[in-house]
Amino acid sequence: YKMMLRQDAEGQALHKQRLTEAVLFMEHQGLRKLSSGPF
């Protein structure tokens, strides 16, 4: 939401980076570690 709502380039870049970090955490600490199944 914050990346969408922010109208300034700096704010958008900040939340883009934080969302990227969250997605990478989901990949490496979540899906890859928790399950060998598809879910």
PDB file of all heavy atoms in Angstrom:
ATOM      1  N   TYR A   1       0.813  -1.210   0.000  1.00  0.00           N
ATOM      2  CA  TYR A   1       0.000   0.000   0.000  1.00  0.00           C
ATOM      3  C   TYR A   1       0.854   1.270   0.000  1.00  0.00           C
ATOM      4  O   TYR A   1       0.575   2.226  -0.735  1.00  0.00           O
ATOM      5  CB  TYR A   1      -0.934   0.010   1.213  1.00  0.00           C
ATOM      6  CG  TYR A   1      -2.088  -0.945   1.083  1.00  0.00           C
ATOM      7  CD1 TYR A   1      -2.032  -2.225   1.620  1.00  0.00           C
ATOM      8  CD2 TYR A   1      -3.247  -0.573   0.407  1.00  0.00           C
ATOM      9  CE1 TYR A   1      -3.093  -3.111   1.490  1.00  0.00           C
ATOM     10  CE2 TYR A   1      -4.316  -1.446   0.270  1.00  0.00           C
ATOM     11  CZ  TYR A   1      -4.227  -2.718   0.813  1.00  0.00           C
ATOM     12  OH  TYR A   1      -5.275  -3.587   0.670  1.00  0.00           O
ATOM     13  N   LYS A   2       1.884   1.288   0.804  1.00  0.00           N
ATOM     14  CA  LYS A   2       2.665   2.510   0.945  1.00  0.00           C
ATOM     15  C   LYS A   2       3.427   2.842  -0.336  1.00  0.00           C
ATOM     16  O   LYS A   2       3.578   4.026  -0.684  1.00  0.00           O
ATOM     17  CB  LYS A   2       3.619   2.377   2.129  1.00  0.00           C
ATOM     18  CG  LYS A   2       2.895   2.384   3.472  1.00  0.00           C
ATOM     19  CD  LYS A   2       3.864   2.197   4.625  1.00  0.00           C
ATOM     20  CE  LYS A   2       3.126   2.161   5.954  1.00  0.00           C
ATOM     21  NZ  LYS A   2       4.034   2.013   7.108  1.00  0.00           N
ATOM     22  N   MET A   3       3.919   1.814  -1.032  1.00  0.00           N
ATOM     23  CA  MET A   3       4.585   2.081  -2.296  1.00  0.00           C
ATOM     24  C   MET A   3       3.624   2.718  -3.298  1.00  0.00           C
ATOM     25  O   MET A   3       3.988   3.591  -4.075  1.00  0.00           O
ATOM     26  CB  MET A   3       5.147   0.789  -2.901  1.00  0.00           C
ATOM     27  CG  MET A   3       6.097   1.037  -4.075  1.00  0.00           C
ATOM     28  SD  MET A   3       6.414  -0.436  -5.078  1.00  0.00           S
ATOM     29  CE  MET A   3       6.836  -1.644  -3.838  1.00  0.00           C
ATOM     30  N   MET A   4       2.367   2.263  -3.257  1.00  0.00           N
ATOM     31  CA  MET A   4       1.365   2.817  -4.160  1.00  0.00           C
ATOM     32  C   MET A   4       0.956   4.228  -3.751  1.00  0.00           C
ATOM     33  O   MET A   4       0.805   5.113  -4.585  1.00  0.00           O
ATOM     34  CB  MET A   4       0.139   1.906  -4.179  1.00  0.00           C
ATOM     35  CG  MET A   4       0.386   0.555  -4.815  1.00  0.00           C
ATOM     36  SD  MET A   4       0.604   0.652  -6.599  1.00  0.00           S
ATOM     37  CE  MET A   4      -1.095   0.754  -7.122  1.00  0.00           C
ATOM     38  N   LEU A   5       0.768   4.448  -2.466  1.00  0.00           N
ATOM     39  CA  LEU A   5       0.253   5.731  -1.991  1.00  0.00           C
ATOM     40  C   LEU A   5       1.268   6.860  -2.076  1.00  0.00           C
ATOM     41  O   LEU A   5       0.891   8.013  -2.306  1.00  0.00           O
ATOM     42  CB  LEU A   5      -0.234   5.586  -0.546  1.00  0.00           C
ATOM     43  CG  LEU A   5      -1.506   4.760  -0.349  1.00  0.00           C
ATOM     44  CD1 LEU A   5      -1.690   4.402   1.123  1.00  0.00           C
ATOM     45  CD2 LEU A   5      -2.730   5.515  -0.863  1.00  0.00           C
ATOM     46  N   ARG A   6       2.541   6.526  -1.891  1.00  0.00           N
ATOM     47  CA  ARG A   6       3.556   7.580  -1.927  1.00  0.00           C
ATOM     48  C   ARG A   6       3.656   8.172  -3.326  1.00  0.00           C
ATOM     49  O   ARG A   6       3.756   7.453  -4.317  1.00  0.00           O
ATOM     50  CB  ARG A   6       4.916   7.035  -1.484  1.00  0.00           C
ATOM     51  CG  ARG A   6       5.003   6.680  -0.012  1.00  0.00           C
ATOM     52  CD  ARG A   6       4.971   7.902   0.885  1.00  0.00           C
ATOM     53  NE  ARG A   6       6.156   8.715   0.793  1.00  0.00           N
ATOM     54  CZ  ARG A   6       7.184   8.632   1.630  1.00  0.00           C
ATOM     55  NH1 ARG A   6       7.184   7.749   2.613  1.00  0.00           N
ATOM     56  NH2 ARG A   6       8.227   9.440   1.489  1.00  0.00           N
ATOM     57  N   GLN A   7       3.664   9.467  -3.415  1.00  0.00           N
ATOM     58  CA  GLN A   7       3.725  10.159  -4.699  1.00  0.00           C
ATOM     59  C   GLN A   7       5.127  10.653  -5.031  1.00  0.00           C
ATOM     60  O   GLN A   7       5.382  11.078  -6.150  1.00  0.00           O
ATOM     61  CB  GLN A   7       2.748  11.335  -4.691  1.00  0.00           C
ATOM     62  CG  GLN A   7       1.305  10.942  -4.421  1.00  0.00           C
ATOM     63  CD  GLN A   7       0.757   9.980  -5.461  1.00  0.00           C
ATOM     64  OE1 GLN A   7       0.623  10.337  -6.628  1.00  0.00           O
ATOM     65  NE2 GLN A   7       0.454   8.751  -5.050  1.00  0.00           N
ATOM     66  N   ASP A   8       6.046  10.564  -4.073  1.00  0.00           N
ATOM     67  CA  ASP A   8       7.411  11.013  -4.299  1.00  0.00           C
ATOM     68  C   ASP A   8       8.318   9.838  -4.625  1.00  0.00           C
ATOM     69  O   ASP A   8       8.141   8.731  -4.111  1.00  0.00           O
ATOM     70  CB  ASP A   8       7.939  11.743  -3.066  1.00  0.00           C
ATOM     71  CG  ASP A   8       7.936  10.853  -1.826  1.00  0.00           C
ATOM     72  OD1 ASP A   8       6.844  10.368  -1.425  1.00  0.00           O
ATOM     73  OD2 ASP A   8       9.020  10.602  -1.268  1.00  0.00           O
ATOM     74  N   ALA A   9       9.283  10.054  -5.474  1.00  0.00           N
ATOM     75  CA  ALA A   9      10.182   8.992  -5.927  1.00  0.00           C
ATOM     76  C   ALA A   9      10.965   8.373  -4.778  1.00  0.00           C
ATOM     77  O   ALA A   9      11.182   7.158  -4.741  1.00  0.00           O
ATOM     78  CB  ALA A   9      11.145   9.538  -6.989  1.00  0.00           C
ATOM     79  N   GLU A  10      11.370   9.203  -3.824  1.00  0.00           N
ATOM     80  CA  GLU A  10      12.145   8.696  -2.684  1.00  0.00           C
ATOM     81  C   GLU A  10      11.311   7.726  -1.847  1.00  0.00           C
ATOM     82  O   GLU A  10      11.791   6.656  -1.453  1.00  0.00           O
ATOM     83  CB  GLU A  10      12.635   9.858  -1.823  1.00  0.00           C
ATOM     84  CG  GLU A  10      13.500   9.406  -0.643  1.00  0.00           C
ATOM     85  CD  GLU A  10      13.979  10.583   0.195  1.00  0.00           C
ATOM     86  OE1 GLU A  10      13.665  11.738  -0.143  1.00  0.00           O
ATOM     87  OE2 GLU A  10      14.670  10.331   1.207  1.00  0.00           O
ATOM     88  N   GLY A  11      10.067   8.104  -1.558  1.00  0.00           N
ATOM     89  CA  GLY A  11       9.198   7.240  -0.773  1.00  0.00           C
ATOM     90  C   GLY A  11       8.866   5.958  -1.501  1.00  0.00           C
ATOM     91  O   GLY A  11       8.847   4.872  -0.902  1.00  0.00           O
ATOM     92  N   GLN A  12       8.609   6.039  -2.783  1.00  0.00           N
ATOM     93  CA  GLN A  12       8.329   4.843  -3.567  1.00  0.00           C
ATOM     94  C   GLN A  12       9.532   3.899  -3.560  1.00  0.00           C
ATOM     95  O   GLN A  12       9.387   2.687  -3.405  1.00  0.00           O
ATOM     96  CB  GLN A  12       7.967   5.230  -4.992  1.00  0.00           C
ATOM     97  CG  GLN A  12       6.634   5.940  -5.116  1.00  0.00           C
ATOM     98  CD  GLN A  12       6.367   6.450  -6.519  1.00  0.00           C
ATOM     99  OE1 GLN A  12       7.058   6.084  -7.471  1.00  0.00           O
ATOM    100  NE2 GLN A  12       5.371   7.317  -6.659  1.00  0.00           N
ATOM    101  N   ALA A  13      10.732   4.463  -3.714  1.00  0.00           N
ATOM    102  CA  ALA A  13      11.947   3.639  -3.728  1.00  0.00           C
ATOM    103  C   ALA A  13      12.167   2.962  -2.376  1.00  0.00           C
ATOM    104  O   ALA A  13      12.585   1.801  -2.311  1.00  0.00           O
ATOM    105  CB  ALA A  13      13.156   4.499  -4.090  1.00  0.00           C
ATOM    106  N   LEU A  14      11.882   3.680  -1.296  1.00  0.00           N
ATOM    107  CA  LEU A  14      12.048   3.113   0.040  1.00  0.00           C
ATOM    108  C   LEU A  14      11.166   1.890   0.223  1.00  0.00           C
ATOM    109  O   LEU A  14      11.635   0.824   0.659  1.00  0.00           O
ATOM    110  CB  LEU A  14      11.701   4.168   1.092  1.00  0.00           C
ATOM    111  CG  LEU A  14      11.607   3.664   2.537  1.00  0.00           C
ATOM    112  CD1 LEU A  14      12.959   3.170   3.030  1.00  0.00           C
ATOM    113  CD2 LEU A  14      11.066   4.767   3.450  1.00  0.00           C
ATOM    114  N   HIS A  15       9.886   2.014  -0.112  1.00  0.00           N
ATOM    115  CA  HIS A  15       8.966   0.906   0.107  1.00  0.00           C
ATOM    116  C   HIS A  15       9.153  -0.200  -0.939  1.00  0.00           C
ATOM    117  O   HIS A  15       8.874  -1.368  -0.651  1.00  0.00           O
ATOM    118  CB  HIS A  15       7.537   1.414   0.155  1.00  0.00           C
ATOM    119  CG  HIS A  15       7.271   2.247   1.366  1.00  0.00           C
ATOM    120  ND1 HIS A  15       7.278   1.714   2.648  1.00  0.00           N
ATOM    121  CD2 HIS A  15       7.064   3.583   1.516  1.00  0.00           C
ATOM    122  CE1 HIS A  15       7.048   2.676   3.519  1.00  0.00           C
ATOM    123  NE2 HIS A  15       6.929   3.818   2.865  1.00  0.00           N
ATOM    124  N   LYS A  16       9.641   0.145  -2.099  1.00  0.00           N
ATOM    125  CA  LYS A  16       9.991  -0.879  -3.081  1.00  0.00           C
ATOM    126  C   LYS A  16      11.120  -1.758  -2.542  1.00  0.00           C
ATOM    127  O   LYS A  16      11.084  -2.993  -2.662  1.00  0.00           O
ATOM    128  CB  LYS A  16      10.414  -0.222  -4.393  1.00  0.00           C
ATOM    129  CG  LYS A  16      10.699  -1.193  -5.533  1.00  0.00           C
ATOM    130  CD  LYS A  16      11.004  -0.438  -6.816  1.00  0.00           C
ATOM    131  CE  LYS A  16      11.194  -1.384  -7.985  1.00  0.00           C
ATOM    132  NZ  LYS A  16      11.457  -0.624  -9.254  1.00  0.00           N
ATOM    133  N   GLN A  17      12.122  -1.119  -1.921  1.00  0.00           N
ATOM    134  CA  GLN A  17      13.224  -1.879  -1.336  1.00  0.00           C
ATOM    135  C   GLN A  17      12.748  -2.740  -0.175  1.00  0.00           C
ATOM    136  O   GLN A  17      13.124  -3.910  -0.057  1.00  0.00           O
ATOM    137  CB  GLN A  17      14.318  -0.916  -0.855  1.00  0.00           C
ATOM    138  CG  GLN A  17      15.481  -1.590  -0.138  1.00  0.00           C
ATOM    139  CD  GLN A  17      16.217  -2.600  -0.997  1.00  0.00           C
ATOM    140  OE1 GLN A  17      16.311  -2.422  -2.216  1.00  0.00           O
ATOM    141  NE2 GLN A  17      16.735  -3.655  -0.381  1.00  0.00           N
ATOM    142  N   ARG A  18      11.882  -2.194   0.672  1.00  0.00           N
ATOM    143  CA  ARG A  18      11.395  -2.954   1.825  1.00  0.00           C
ATOM    144  C   ARG A  18      10.494  -4.103   1.400  1.00  0.00           C
ATOM    145  O   ARG A  18      10.529  -5.187   2.001  1.00  0.00           O
ATOM    146  CB  ARG A  18      10.677  -2.021   2.791  1.00  0.00           C
ATOM    147  CG  ARG A  18      11.645  -1.082   3.497  1.00  0.00           C
ATOM    148  CD  ARG A  18      10.979  -0.184   4.499  1.00  0.00           C
ATOM    149  NE  ARG A  18      11.961   0.622   5.210  1.00  0.00           N
ATOM    150  CZ  ARG A  18      11.654   1.580   6.065  1.00  0.00           C
ATOM    151  NH1 ARG A  18      10.374   1.859   6.328  1.00  0.00           N
ATOM    152  NH2 ARG A  18      12.601   2.273   6.664  1.00  0.00           N
ATOM    153  N   LEU A  19       9.693  -3.901   0.359  1.00  0.00           N
ATOM    154  CA  LEU A  19       8.872  -5.000  -0.135  1.00  0.00           C
ATOM    155  C   LEU A  19       9.749  -6.070  -0.774  1.00  0.00           C
ATOM    156  O   LEU A  19       9.499  -7.265  -0.601  1.00  0.00           O
ATOM    157  CB  LEU A  19       7.832  -4.493  -1.138  1.00  0.00           C
ATOM    158  CG  LEU A  19       6.886  -5.561  -1.692  1.00  0.00           C
ATOM    159  CD1 LEU A  19       6.117  -6.272  -0.575  1.00  0.00           C
ATOM    160  CD2 LEU A  19       5.910  -4.952  -2.696  1.00  0.00           C
ATOM    161  N   THR A  20      10.776  -5.660  -1.493  1.00  0.00           N
ATOM    162  CA  THR A  20      11.712  -6.630  -2.070  1.00  0.00           C
ATOM    163  C   THR A  20      12.360  -7.464  -0.974  1.00  0.00           C
ATOM    164  O   THR A  20      12.473  -8.690  -1.092  1.00  0.00           O
ATOM    165  CB  THR A  20      12.793  -5.907  -2.897  1.00  0.00           C
ATOM    166  OG1 THR A  20      12.171  -5.202  -3.977  1.00  0.00           O
ATOM    167  CG2 THR A  20      13.799  -6.895  -3.459  1.00  0.00           C
ATOM    168  N   GLU A  21      12.756  -6.823   0.107  1.00  0.00           N
ATOM    169  CA  GLU A  21      13.359  -7.550   1.238  1.00  0.00           C
ATOM    170  C   GLU A  21      12.354  -8.530   1.837  1.00  0.00           C
ATOM    171  O   GLU A  21      12.719  -9.654   2.194  1.00  0.00           O
ATOM    172  CB  GLU A  21      13.833  -6.550   2.295  1.00  0.00           C
ATOM    173  CG  GLU A  21      15.016  -5.711   1.841  1.00  0.00           C
ATOM    174  CD  GLU A  21      15.310  -4.558   2.787  1.00  0.00           C
ATOM    175  OE1 GLU A  21      14.526  -4.364   3.755  1.00  0.00           O
ATOM    176  OE2 GLU A  21      16.305  -3.841   2.559  1.00  0.00           O
ATOM    177  N   ALA A  22      11.091  -8.115   1.961  1.00  0.00           N
ATOM    178  CA  ALA A  22      10.066  -9.002   2.508  1.00  0.00           C
ATOM    179  C   ALA A  22       9.844 -10.213   1.605  1.00  0.00           C
ATOM    180  O   ALA A  22       9.715 -11.342   2.077  1.00  0.00           O
ATOM    181  CB  ALA A  22       8.756  -8.237   2.694  1.00  0.00           C
ATOM    182  N   VAL A  23       9.813  -9.987   0.302  1.00  0.00           N
ATOM    183  CA  VAL A  23       9.597 -11.083  -0.654  1.00  0.00           C
ATOM    184  C   VAL A  23      10.772 -12.057  -0.620  1.00  0.00           C
ATOM    185  O   VAL A  23      10.581 -13.280  -0.662  1.00  0.00           O
ATOM    186  CB  VAL A  23       9.369 -10.511  -2.065  1.00  0.00           C
ATOM    187  CG1 VAL A  23       9.411 -11.621  -3.114  1.00  0.00           C
ATOM    188  CG2 VAL A  23       8.039  -9.777  -2.131  1.00  0.00           C
ATOM    189  N   LEU A  24      11.986 -11.539  -0.523  1.00  0.00           N
ATOM    190  CA  LEU A  24      13.162 -12.414  -0.427  1.00  0.00           C
ATOM    191  C   LEU A  24      13.141 -13.206   0.879  1.00  0.00           C
ATOM    192  O   LEU A  24      13.542 -14.379   0.914  1.00  0.00           O
ATOM    193  CB  LEU A  24      14.444 -11.587  -0.531  1.00  0.00           C
ATOM    194  CG  LEU A  24      14.733 -11.004  -1.919  1.00  0.00           C
ATOM    195  CD1 LEU A  24      15.901 -10.025  -1.847  1.00  0.00           C
ATOM    196  CD2 LEU A  24      15.046 -12.132  -2.915  1.00  0.00           C
ATOM    197  N   PHE A  25      12.671 -12.607   1.953  1.00  0.00           N
ATOM    198  CA  PHE A  25      12.536 -13.312   3.225  1.00  0.00           C
ATOM    199  C   PHE A  25      11.506 -14.434   3.097  1.00  0.00           C
ATOM    200  O   PHE A  25      11.711 -15.547   3.605  1.00  0.00           O
ATOM    201  CB  PHE A  25      12.124 -12.327   4.318  1.00  0.00           C
ATOM    202  CG  PHE A  25      12.260 -12.858   5.717  1.00  0.00           C
ATOM    203  CD1 PHE A  25      13.456 -12.728   6.403  1.00  0.00           C
ATOM    204  CD2 PHE A  25      11.200 -13.490   6.352  1.00  0.00           C
ATOM    205  CE1 PHE A  25      13.589 -13.220   7.706  1.00  0.00           C
ATOM    206  CE2 PHE A  25      11.321 -13.982   7.642  1.00  0.00           C
ATOM    207  CZ  PHE A  25      12.519 -13.844   8.325  1.00  0.00           C
ATOM    208  N   MET A  26      10.400 -14.148   2.420  1.00  0.00           N
ATOM    209  CA  MET A  26       9.389 -15.180   2.171  1.00  0.00           C
ATOM    210  C   MET A  26       9.991 -16.354   1.406  1.00  0.00           C
ATOM    211  O   MET A  26       9.727 -17.525   1.718  1.00  0.00           O
ATOM    212  CB  MET A  26       8.226 -14.579   1.373  1.00  0.00           C
ATOM    213  CG  MET A  26       7.383 -13.591   2.158  1.00  0.00           C
ATOM    214  SD  MET A  26       6.455 -12.442   1.087  1.00  0.00           S
ATOM    215  CE  MET A  26       5.474 -13.596   0.108  1.00  0.00           C
ATOM    216  N   GLU A  27      10.802 -16.047   0.410  1.00  0.00           N
ATOM    217  CA  GLU A  27      11.423 -17.090  -0.415  1.00  0.00           C
ATOM    218  C   GLU A  27      12.391 -17.947   0.389  1.00  0.00           C
ATOM    219  O   GLU A  27      12.298 -19.181   0.389  1.00  0.00           O
ATOM    220  CB  GLU A  27      12.159 -16.441  -1.591  1.00  0.00           C
ATOM    221  CG  GLU A  27      13.043 -17.380  -2.414  1.00  0.00           C
ATOM    222  CD  GLU A  27      12.266 -18.275  -3.356  1.00  0.00           C
ATOM    223  OE1 GLU A  27      11.060 -18.034  -3.565  1.00  0.00           O
ATOM    224  OE2 GLU A  27      12.853 -19.247  -3.870  1.00  0.00           O
ATOM    225  N   HIS A  28      13.332 -17.290   1.079  1.00  0.00           N
ATOM    226  CA  HIS A  28      14.451 -18.023   1.683  1.00  0.00           C
ATOM    227  C   HIS A  28      14.154 -18.532   3.092  1.00  0.00           C
ATOM    228  O   HIS A  28      14.556 -19.651   3.440  1.00  0.00           O
ATOM    229  CB  HIS A  28      15.696 -17.131   1.690  1.00  0.00           C
ATOM    230  CG  HIS A  28      16.209 -16.826   0.313  1.00  0.00           C
ATOM    231  ND1 HIS A  28      16.844 -17.759  -0.467  1.00  0.00           N
ATOM    232  CD2 HIS A  28      16.137 -15.689  -0.437  1.00  0.00           C
ATOM    233  CE1 HIS A  28      17.170 -17.222  -1.636  1.00  0.00           C
ATOM    234  NE2 HIS A  28      16.759 -15.971  -1.644  1.00  0.00           N
ATOM    235  N   GLN A  29      13.457 -17.726   3.900  1.00  0.00           N
ATOM    236  CA  GLN A  29      13.171 -18.148   5.269  1.00  0.00           C
ATOM    237  C   GLN A  29      11.815 -18.849   5.386  1.00  0.00           C
ATOM    238  O   GLN A  29      11.577 -19.542   6.368  1.00  0.00           O
ATOM    239  CB  GLN A  29      13.204 -16.934   6.202  1.00  0.00           C
ATOM    240  CG  GLN A  29      14.543 -16.230   6.243  1.00  0.00           C
ATOM    241  CD  GLN A  29      15.657 -17.126   6.744  1.00  0.00           C
ATOM    242  OE1 GLN A  29      15.477 -17.910   7.674  1.00  0.00           O
ATOM    243  NE2 GLN A  29      16.823 -17.030   6.118  1.00  0.00           N
ATOM    244  N   GLY A  30      10.971 -18.653   4.408  1.00  0.00           N
ATOM    245  CA  GLY A  30       9.652 -19.262   4.433  1.00  0.00           C
ATOM    246  C   GLY A  30       9.545 -20.476   3.548  1.00  0.00           C
ATOM    247  O   GLY A  30       9.735 -21.612   3.977  1.00  0.00           O
ATOM    248  N   LEU A  31       9.267 -20.262   2.288  1.00  0.00           N
ATOM    249  CA  LEU A  31       8.951 -21.355   1.378  1.00  0.00           C
ATOM    250  C   LEU A  31      10.064 -22.390   1.255  1.00  0.00           C
ATOM    251  O   LEU A  31       9.805 -23.597   1.242  1.00  0.00           O
ATOM    252  CB  LEU A  31       8.605 -20.779   0.002  1.00  0.00           C
ATOM    253  CG  LEU A  31       7.246 -20.069  -0.051  1.00  0.00           C
ATOM    254  CD1 LEU A  31       7.169 -19.160  -1.273  1.00  0.00           C
ATOM    255  CD2 LEU A  31       6.107 -21.072  -0.054  1.00  0.00           C
ATOM    256  N   ARG A  32      11.304 -21.956   1.164  1.00  0.00           N
ATOM    257  CA  ARG A  32      12.401 -22.922   0.983  1.00  0.00           C
ATOM    258  C   ARG A  32      12.683 -23.743   2.235  1.00  0.00           C
ATOM    259  O   ARG A  32      13.137 -24.885   2.144  1.00  0.00           O
ATOM    260  CB  ARG A  32      13.677 -22.202   0.545  1.00  0.00           C
ATOM    261  CG  ARG A  32      13.603 -21.595  -0.844  1.00  0.00           C
ATOM    262  CD  ARG A  32      14.969 -21.214  -1.354  1.00  0.00           C
ATOM    263  NE  ARG A  32      14.875 -20.466  -2.610  1.00  0.00           N
ATOM    264  CZ  ARG A  32      15.920 -20.172  -3.379  1.00  0.00           C
ATOM    265  NH1 ARG A  32      17.135 -20.557  -3.020  1.00  0.00           N
ATOM    266  NH2 ARG A  32      15.749 -19.474  -4.490  1.00  0.00           N
ATOM    267  N   LYS A  33      12.407 -23.181   3.402  1.00  0.00           N
ATOM    268  CA  LYS A  33      12.737 -23.873   4.653  1.00  0.00           C
ATOM    269  C   LYS A  33      11.579 -24.671   5.235  1.00  0.00           C
ATOM    270  O   LYS A  33      11.796 -25.679   5.913  1.00  0.00           O
ATOM    271  CB  LYS A  33      13.235 -22.869   5.701  1.00  0.00           C
ATOM    272  CG  LYS A  33      14.637 -22.353   5.449  1.00  0.00           C
ATOM    273  CD  LYS A  33      15.130 -21.565   6.655  1.00  0.00           C
ATOM    274  CE  LYS A  33      16.593 -21.169   6.488  1.00  0.00           C
ATOM    275  NZ  LYS A  33      17.112 -20.459   7.693  1.00  0.00           N
ATOM    276  N   LEU A  34      10.370 -24.219   4.990  1.00  0.00           N
ATOM    277  CA  LEU A  34       9.233 -24.785   5.710  1.00  0.00           C
ATOM    278  C   LEU A  34       8.621 -25.996   5.030  1.00  0.00           C
ATOM    279  O   LEU A  34       7.987 -26.813   5.690  1.00  0.00           O
ATOM    280  CB  LEU A  34       8.141 -23.715   5.896  1.00  0.00           C
ATOM    281  CG  LEU A  34       8.499 -22.539   6.802  1.00  0.00           C
ATOM    282  CD1 LEU A  34       7.362 -21.533   6.813  1.00  0.00           C
ATOM    283  CD2 LEU A  34       8.789 -23.015   8.216  1.00  0.00           C
ATOM    284  N   SER A  35       8.766 -26.108   3.711  1.00  0.00           N
ATOM    285  CA  SER A  35       7.995 -27.126   3.017  1.00  0.00           C
ATOM    286  C   SER A  35       8.679 -27.589   1.747  1.00  0.00           C
ATOM    287  O   SER A  35       9.255 -26.790   1.008  1.00  0.00           O
ATOM    288  CB  SER A  35       6.603 -26.576   2.665  1.00  0.00           C
ATOM    289  OG  SER A  35       5.901 -27.483   1.848  1.00  0.00           O
ATOM    290  N   SER A  36       8.588 -28.886   1.496  1.00  0.00           N
ATOM    291  CA  SER A  36       9.029 -29.431   0.211  1.00  0.00           C
ATOM    292  C   SER A  36       7.853 -29.550  -0.747  1.00  0.00           C
ATOM    293  O   SER A  36       8.020 -29.898  -1.910  1.00  0.00           O
ATOM    294  CB  SER A  36       9.672 -30.815   0.410  1.00  0.00           C
ATOM    295  OG  SER A  36       8.744 -31.708   1.014  1.00  0.00           O
ATOM    296  N   GLY A  37       6.649 -29.283  -0.248  1.00  0.00           N
ATOM    297  CA  GLY A  37       5.447 -29.338  -1.065  1.00  0.00           C
ATOM    298  C   GLY A  37       5.204 -28.010  -1.754  1.00  0.00           C
ATOM    299  O   GLY A  37       5.925 -27.028  -1.529  1.00  0.00           O
ATOM    300  N   PRO A  38       4.180 -27.926  -2.557  1.00  0.00           N
ATOM    301  CA  PRO A  38       3.950 -26.691  -3.317  1.00  0.00           C
ATOM    302  C   PRO A  38       3.410 -25.540  -2.481  1.00  0.00           C
ATOM    303  O   PRO A  38       3.531 -24.384  -2.884  1.00  0.00           O
ATOM    304  CB  PRO A  38       2.918 -27.117  -4.370  1.00  0.00           C
ATOM    305  CG  PRO A  38       2.186 -28.261  -3.744  1.00  0.00           C
ATOM    306  CD  PRO A  38       3.214 -28.982  -2.911  1.00  0.00           C
ATOM    307  N   PHE A  39       2.839 -25.851  -1.298  1.00  0.00           N
ATOM    308  CA  PHE A  39       2.201 -24.810  -0.503  1.00  0.00           C
ATOM    309  C   PHE A  39       3.074 -24.421   0.686  1.00  0.00           C
ATOM    310  O   PHE A  39       4.123 -25.007   0.928  1.00  0.00           O
ATOM    311  CB  PHE A  39       0.809 -25.268  -0.080  1.00  0.00           C
ATOM    312  CG  PHE A  39      -0.067 -25.605  -1.256  1.00  0.00           C
ATOM    313  CD1 PHE A  39      -0.413 -26.925  -1.530  1.00  0.00           C
ATOM    314  CD2 PHE A  39      -0.500 -24.617  -2.120  1.00  0.00           C
ATOM    315  CE1 PHE A  39      -1.188 -27.244  -2.632  1.00  0.00           C
ATOM    316  CE2 PHE A  39      -1.284 -24.923  -3.224  1.00  0.00           C
ATOM    317  CZ  PHE A  39      -1.625 -26.238  -3.488  1.00  0.00           C
TER     318      PHE A  39
END
